[in-house]
Amino acid sequence: MAKFEKGNPGGPGRPPRESEAAYLKTMLDGCTQADWDAITKRAVKDAKIGSWRAREWLSNYLLGKPIIRTQISGPDDQPIETTSTVVLDLSGLTSLQLDDLVKKLHD
């Protein structure tokens, strides 16, 4: 039963905040500042030698995931006034796929 139907109690719902705090504490205890420093330095090193995964990981943390916006122009090359915005979620794409998509959009 996956629908919201009368008599369906649903799932367990969102975990209590205390549970999240316990998981976060476990993660923080397992990864020290020195560990994170080493992980970050390794990612920078790997990115410099061409690792697209390291570049993607670093850029997601430092810049956030990219949002591509496209301006739609009319026949006079002026922007068309709209009342809505289209936002594409490209978070599942690799940086190489994003580069390819940007090239195609500019062609």
N, C-alpha and C. Protein backbone atom coordinates (compact mmCIF):
# COMPACT_ATOMS: atom_id res chain seq x y z
N MET A 1 0.83 -1.16 0.00
CA MET A 1 0.00 0.00 0.00
C MET A 1 0.89 1.24 0.00
N ALA A 2 1.02 1.91 -1.14
CA ALA A 2 1.91 3.06 -1.25
C ALA A 2 1.17 4.38 -1.30
N LYS A 3 -0.14 4.35 -1.33
CA LYS A 3 -0.92 5.57 -1.46
C LYS A 3 -1.36 6.08 -0.09
N PHE A 4 -1.75 7.35 -0.07
CA PHE A 4 -2.35 7.92 1.12
C PHE A 4 -3.82 7.52 1.12
N GLU A 5 -4.10 6.44 1.79
CA GLU A 5 -5.47 5.94 1.84
C GLU A 5 -5.93 5.88 3.29
N LYS A 6 -7.23 5.97 3.47
CA LYS A 6 -7.80 5.88 4.81
C LYS A 6 -7.42 4.53 5.41
N GLY A 7 -6.91 4.56 6.62
CA GLY A 7 -6.52 3.33 7.29
C GLY A 7 -5.06 2.96 7.10
N ASN A 8 -4.34 3.66 6.21
CA ASN A 8 -2.93 3.39 5.99
C ASN A 8 -2.12 4.23 6.98
N PRO A 9 -1.46 3.60 7.94
CA PRO A 9 -0.74 4.37 8.94
C PRO A 9 0.53 5.02 8.39
N GLY A 10 1.00 4.62 7.22
CA GLY A 10 2.23 5.19 6.66
C GLY A 10 3.46 4.56 7.27
N GLY A 11 4.60 5.14 6.93
CA GLY A 11 5.87 4.62 7.44
C GLY A 11 6.23 5.19 8.80
N PRO A 12 7.45 4.91 9.24
CA PRO A 12 7.86 5.37 10.57
C PRO A 12 8.07 6.88 10.64
N GLY A 13 8.16 7.53 9.49
CA GLY A 13 8.34 8.99 9.49
C GLY A 13 9.80 9.39 9.67
N ARG A 14 9.98 10.66 9.87
CA ARG A 14 11.31 11.23 10.01
C ARG A 14 11.92 10.79 11.34
N PRO A 15 13.23 10.41 11.33
CA PRO A 15 13.85 10.00 12.59
C PRO A 15 13.93 11.18 13.56
N PRO A 16 13.89 10.91 14.84
CA PRO A 16 13.99 11.99 15.81
C PRO A 16 15.33 12.71 15.72
N ARG A 17 15.34 13.96 16.07
CA ARG A 17 16.58 14.76 16.02
C ARG A 17 17.70 14.12 16.85
N GLU A 18 17.34 13.49 17.97
CA GLU A 18 18.37 12.87 18.81
C GLU A 18 19.11 11.78 18.03
N SER A 19 18.37 11.04 17.20
CA SER A 19 18.97 9.98 16.40
C SER A 19 19.96 10.58 15.40
N GLU A 20 19.56 11.66 14.73
CA GLU A 20 20.46 12.33 13.79
C GLU A 20 21.70 12.84 14.50
N ALA A 21 21.51 13.42 15.66
CA ALA A 21 22.64 13.95 16.42
C ALA A 21 23.61 12.84 16.79
N ALA A 22 23.09 11.66 17.14
CA ALA A 22 23.96 10.53 17.50
C ALA A 22 24.77 10.07 16.29
N TYR A 23 24.12 10.00 15.11
CA TYR A 23 24.85 9.61 13.90
C TYR A 23 25.92 10.64 13.55
N LEU A 24 25.58 11.91 13.65
CA LEU A 24 26.54 12.97 13.36
C LEU A 24 27.72 12.91 14.31
N LYS A 25 27.44 12.68 15.61
CA LYS A 25 28.52 12.58 16.59
C LYS A 25 29.44 11.41 16.25
N THR A 26 28.85 10.29 15.85
CA THR A 26 29.66 9.12 15.47
C THR A 26 30.56 9.45 14.29
N MET A 27 30.00 10.15 13.30
CA MET A 27 30.80 10.53 12.13
C MET A 27 31.92 11.48 12.53
N LEU A 28 31.61 12.47 13.35
CA LEU A 28 32.62 13.44 13.76
C LEU A 28 33.71 12.79 14.61
N ASP A 29 33.33 11.84 15.45
CA ASP A 29 34.31 11.12 16.27
C ASP A 29 35.22 10.26 15.40
N GLY A 30 34.68 9.75 14.30
CA GLY A 30 35.46 8.87 13.43
C GLY A 30 36.34 9.62 12.44
N CYS A 31 36.08 10.89 12.22
CA CYS A 31 36.85 11.68 11.25
C CYS A 31 37.36 12.93 11.96
N THR A 32 38.60 12.89 12.35
CA THR A 32 39.19 14.03 13.06
C THR A 32 39.51 15.16 12.09
N GLN A 33 39.86 16.30 12.63
CA GLN A 33 40.27 17.43 11.79
C GLN A 33 41.50 17.06 10.96
N ALA A 34 42.40 16.30 11.56
CA ALA A 34 43.60 15.86 10.83
C ALA A 34 43.22 14.93 9.68
N ASP A 35 42.24 14.04 9.91
CA ASP A 35 41.76 13.16 8.85
C ASP A 35 41.18 13.98 7.70
N TRP A 36 40.33 14.95 8.04
CA TRP A 36 39.68 15.78 7.02
C TRP A 36 40.71 16.59 6.25
N ASP A 37 41.73 17.07 6.95
CA ASP A 37 42.82 17.81 6.30
C ASP A 37 43.53 16.91 5.29
N ALA A 38 43.82 15.68 5.68
CA ALA A 38 44.49 14.74 4.77
C ALA A 38 43.60 14.41 3.57
N ILE A 39 42.31 14.21 3.81
CA ILE A 39 41.37 13.90 2.73
C ILE A 39 41.30 15.06 1.74
N THR A 40 41.21 16.27 2.26
CA THR A 40 41.13 17.46 1.40
C THR A 40 42.41 17.64 0.60
N LYS A 41 43.56 17.50 1.25
CA LYS A 41 44.83 17.63 0.53
C LYS A 41 44.97 16.59 -0.57
N ARG A 42 44.51 15.37 -0.31
CA ARG A 42 44.57 14.32 -1.33
C ARG A 42 43.64 14.66 -2.50
N ALA A 43 42.47 15.19 -2.19
CA ALA A 43 41.52 15.57 -3.25
C ALA A 43 42.12 16.67 -4.12
N VAL A 44 42.76 17.65 -3.51
CA VAL A 44 43.39 18.74 -4.26
C VAL A 44 44.50 18.17 -5.14
N LYS A 45 45.32 17.30 -4.59
CA LYS A 45 46.41 16.67 -5.35
C LYS A 45 45.85 15.90 -6.55
N ASP A 46 44.81 15.08 -6.30
CA ASP A 46 44.20 14.29 -7.37
C ASP A 46 43.55 15.18 -8.43
N ALA A 47 42.92 16.26 -8.00
CA ALA A 47 42.29 17.19 -8.95
C ALA A 47 43.33 17.82 -9.85
N LYS A 48 44.48 18.16 -9.29
CA LYS A 48 45.54 18.81 -10.07
C LYS A 48 46.12 17.87 -11.13
N ILE A 49 46.08 16.57 -10.88
CA ILE A 49 46.63 15.64 -11.88
C ILE A 49 45.55 15.10 -12.81
N GLY A 50 44.32 15.66 -12.71
CA GLY A 50 43.31 15.34 -13.70
C GLY A 50 42.13 14.51 -13.25
N SER A 51 42.00 14.23 -11.98
CA SER A 51 40.87 13.41 -11.52
C SER A 51 39.58 14.24 -11.56
N TRP A 52 38.66 13.88 -12.46
CA TRP A 52 37.40 14.62 -12.55
C TRP A 52 36.56 14.41 -11.31
N ARG A 53 36.67 13.25 -10.67
CA ARG A 53 35.91 13.01 -9.44
C ARG A 53 36.38 13.92 -8.32
N ALA A 54 37.69 14.09 -8.21
CA ALA A 54 38.22 14.99 -7.17
C ALA A 54 37.82 16.43 -7.46
N ARG A 55 37.88 16.84 -8.74
CA ARG A 55 37.46 18.21 -9.10
C ARG A 55 35.98 18.41 -8.78
N GLU A 56 35.17 17.43 -9.11
CA GLU A 56 33.74 17.52 -8.86
C GLU A 56 33.45 17.60 -7.36
N TRP A 57 34.08 16.75 -6.57
CA TRP A 57 33.89 16.72 -5.13
C TRP A 57 34.28 18.07 -4.51
N LEU A 58 35.47 18.56 -4.89
CA LEU A 58 35.92 19.84 -4.35
C LEU A 58 35.00 20.98 -4.77
N SER A 59 34.64 21.02 -6.03
CA SER A 59 33.80 22.14 -6.49
C SER A 59 32.42 22.09 -5.86
N ASN A 60 31.88 20.90 -5.62
CA ASN A 60 30.58 20.80 -4.95
C ASN A 60 30.65 21.35 -3.53
N TYR A 61 31.75 21.08 -2.83
CA TYR A 61 31.89 21.61 -1.47
C TYR A 61 32.21 23.10 -1.47
N LEU A 62 33.05 23.53 -2.40
CA LEU A 62 33.50 24.92 -2.38
C LEU A 62 32.54 25.88 -3.06
N LEU A 63 31.89 25.44 -4.15
CA LEU A 63 31.05 26.33 -4.94
C LEU A 63 29.58 25.96 -4.92
N GLY A 64 29.27 24.76 -4.50
CA GLY A 64 27.90 24.27 -4.57
C GLY A 64 27.64 23.63 -5.92
N LYS A 65 26.57 22.88 -6.02
CA LYS A 65 26.24 22.21 -7.28
C LYS A 65 25.76 23.25 -8.29
N PRO A 66 26.19 23.10 -9.54
CA PRO A 66 25.86 24.11 -10.55
C PRO A 66 24.39 24.08 -10.97
N ILE A 67 23.88 25.26 -11.28
CA ILE A 67 22.55 25.41 -11.86
C ILE A 67 22.76 26.13 -13.19
N ILE A 68 22.28 25.53 -14.27
CA ILE A 68 22.41 26.17 -15.58
C ILE A 68 21.11 26.90 -15.88
N ARG A 69 21.23 28.16 -16.20
CA ARG A 69 20.06 28.96 -16.57
C ARG A 69 20.20 29.35 -18.03
N THR A 70 19.11 29.31 -18.75
CA THR A 70 19.10 29.65 -20.17
C THR A 70 18.13 30.79 -20.40
N GLN A 71 18.61 31.79 -21.12
CA GLN A 71 17.72 32.91 -21.47
C GLN A 71 17.12 32.62 -22.83
N ILE A 72 15.81 32.72 -22.90
CA ILE A 72 15.11 32.48 -24.16
C ILE A 72 14.84 33.83 -24.80
N SER A 73 15.29 33.99 -26.05
CA SER A 73 15.14 35.26 -26.75
C SER A 73 14.10 35.15 -27.85
N GLY A 74 13.49 36.29 -28.13
CA GLY A 74 12.52 36.36 -29.22
C GLY A 74 13.22 36.62 -30.54
N PRO A 75 12.46 36.87 -31.62
CA PRO A 75 13.05 37.08 -32.94
C PRO A 75 13.94 38.32 -33.01
N ASP A 76 13.73 39.28 -32.11
CA ASP A 76 14.55 40.49 -32.10
C ASP A 76 15.74 40.36 -31.14
N ASP A 77 16.04 39.15 -30.71
CA ASP A 77 17.13 38.85 -29.77
C ASP A 77 16.96 39.52 -28.41
N GLN A 78 15.76 39.93 -28.08
CA GLN A 78 15.47 40.49 -26.77
C GLN A 78 14.89 39.37 -25.90
N PRO A 79 15.17 39.40 -24.59
CA PRO A 79 14.62 38.35 -23.72
C PRO A 79 13.10 38.35 -23.73
N ILE A 80 12.54 37.17 -23.72
CA ILE A 80 11.09 37.03 -23.65
C ILE A 80 10.69 37.11 -22.19
N GLU A 81 9.75 37.97 -21.88
CA GLU A 81 9.27 38.11 -20.50
C GLU A 81 8.46 36.87 -20.15
N THR A 82 8.81 36.25 -19.05
CA THR A 82 8.07 35.07 -18.59
C THR A 82 7.70 35.26 -17.13
N THR A 83 6.79 34.44 -16.70
CA THR A 83 6.39 34.48 -15.29
C THR A 83 6.89 33.26 -14.53
N SER A 84 7.67 32.42 -15.20
CA SER A 84 8.19 31.24 -14.52
C SER A 84 9.67 31.06 -14.86
N THR A 85 10.35 30.31 -14.05
CA THR A 85 11.77 30.02 -14.23
C THR A 85 11.93 28.51 -14.37
N VAL A 86 12.77 28.10 -15.31
CA VAL A 86 13.07 26.69 -15.48
C VAL A 86 14.43 26.43 -14.85
N VAL A 87 14.50 25.50 -13.93
CA VAL A 87 15.76 25.14 -13.29
C VAL A 87 15.98 23.66 -13.54
N LEU A 88 17.14 23.33 -14.08
CA LEU A 88 17.47 21.94 -14.34
C LEU A 88 18.36 21.41 -13.23
N ASP A 89 18.04 20.24 -12.70
CA ASP A 89 18.88 19.62 -11.69
C ASP A 89 19.89 18.75 -12.42
N LEU A 90 21.14 19.22 -12.44
CA LEU A 90 22.19 18.50 -13.15
C LEU A 90 23.16 17.85 -12.17
N SER A 91 22.73 17.66 -10.94
CA SER A 91 23.62 17.16 -9.90
C SER A 91 24.11 15.74 -10.19
N GLY A 92 23.40 14.99 -11.00
CA GLY A 92 23.83 13.62 -11.29
C GLY A 92 24.85 13.52 -12.41
N LEU A 93 25.19 14.65 -13.05
CA LEU A 93 26.13 14.63 -14.16
C LEU A 93 27.55 14.81 -13.68
N THR A 94 28.48 14.19 -14.38
CA THR A 94 29.90 14.39 -14.08
C THR A 94 30.33 15.72 -14.68
N SER A 95 31.51 16.18 -14.28
CA SER A 95 32.00 17.45 -14.82
C SER A 95 32.25 17.33 -16.33
N LEU A 96 32.65 16.15 -16.80
CA LEU A 96 32.85 15.97 -18.25
C LEU A 96 31.52 16.06 -18.99
N GLN A 97 30.48 15.47 -18.44
CA GLN A 97 29.16 15.54 -19.05
C GLN A 97 28.65 16.98 -19.04
N LEU A 98 28.91 17.71 -17.94
CA LEU A 98 28.51 19.12 -17.88
C LEU A 98 29.23 19.94 -18.93
N ASP A 99 30.56 19.71 -19.08
CA ASP A 99 31.33 20.42 -20.10
C ASP A 99 30.74 20.17 -21.48
N ASP A 100 30.40 18.92 -21.77
CA ASP A 100 29.83 18.56 -23.06
C ASP A 100 28.48 19.25 -23.27
N LEU A 101 27.66 19.28 -22.23
CA LEU A 101 26.35 19.92 -22.31
C LEU A 101 26.48 21.41 -22.56
N VAL A 102 27.40 22.07 -21.86
CA VAL A 102 27.62 23.50 -22.05
C VAL A 102 28.08 23.79 -23.48
N LYS A 103 28.97 22.97 -24.02
CA LYS A 103 29.42 23.15 -25.41
C LYS A 103 28.24 23.03 -26.38
N LYS A 104 27.37 22.03 -26.14
CA LYS A 104 26.22 21.85 -27.02
C LYS A 104 25.26 23.03 -26.93
N LEU A 105 25.09 23.59 -25.73
CA LEU A 105 24.19 24.73 -25.58
C LEU A 105 24.72 25.97 -26.27
N HIS A 106 26.04 26.09 -26.36
CA HIS A 106 26.64 27.26 -27.00
C HIS A 106 26.74 27.13 -28.51
N ASP A 107 26.54 25.94 -29.03
CA ASP A 107 26.62 25.71 -30.50
C ASP A 107 25.35 26.18 -31.19
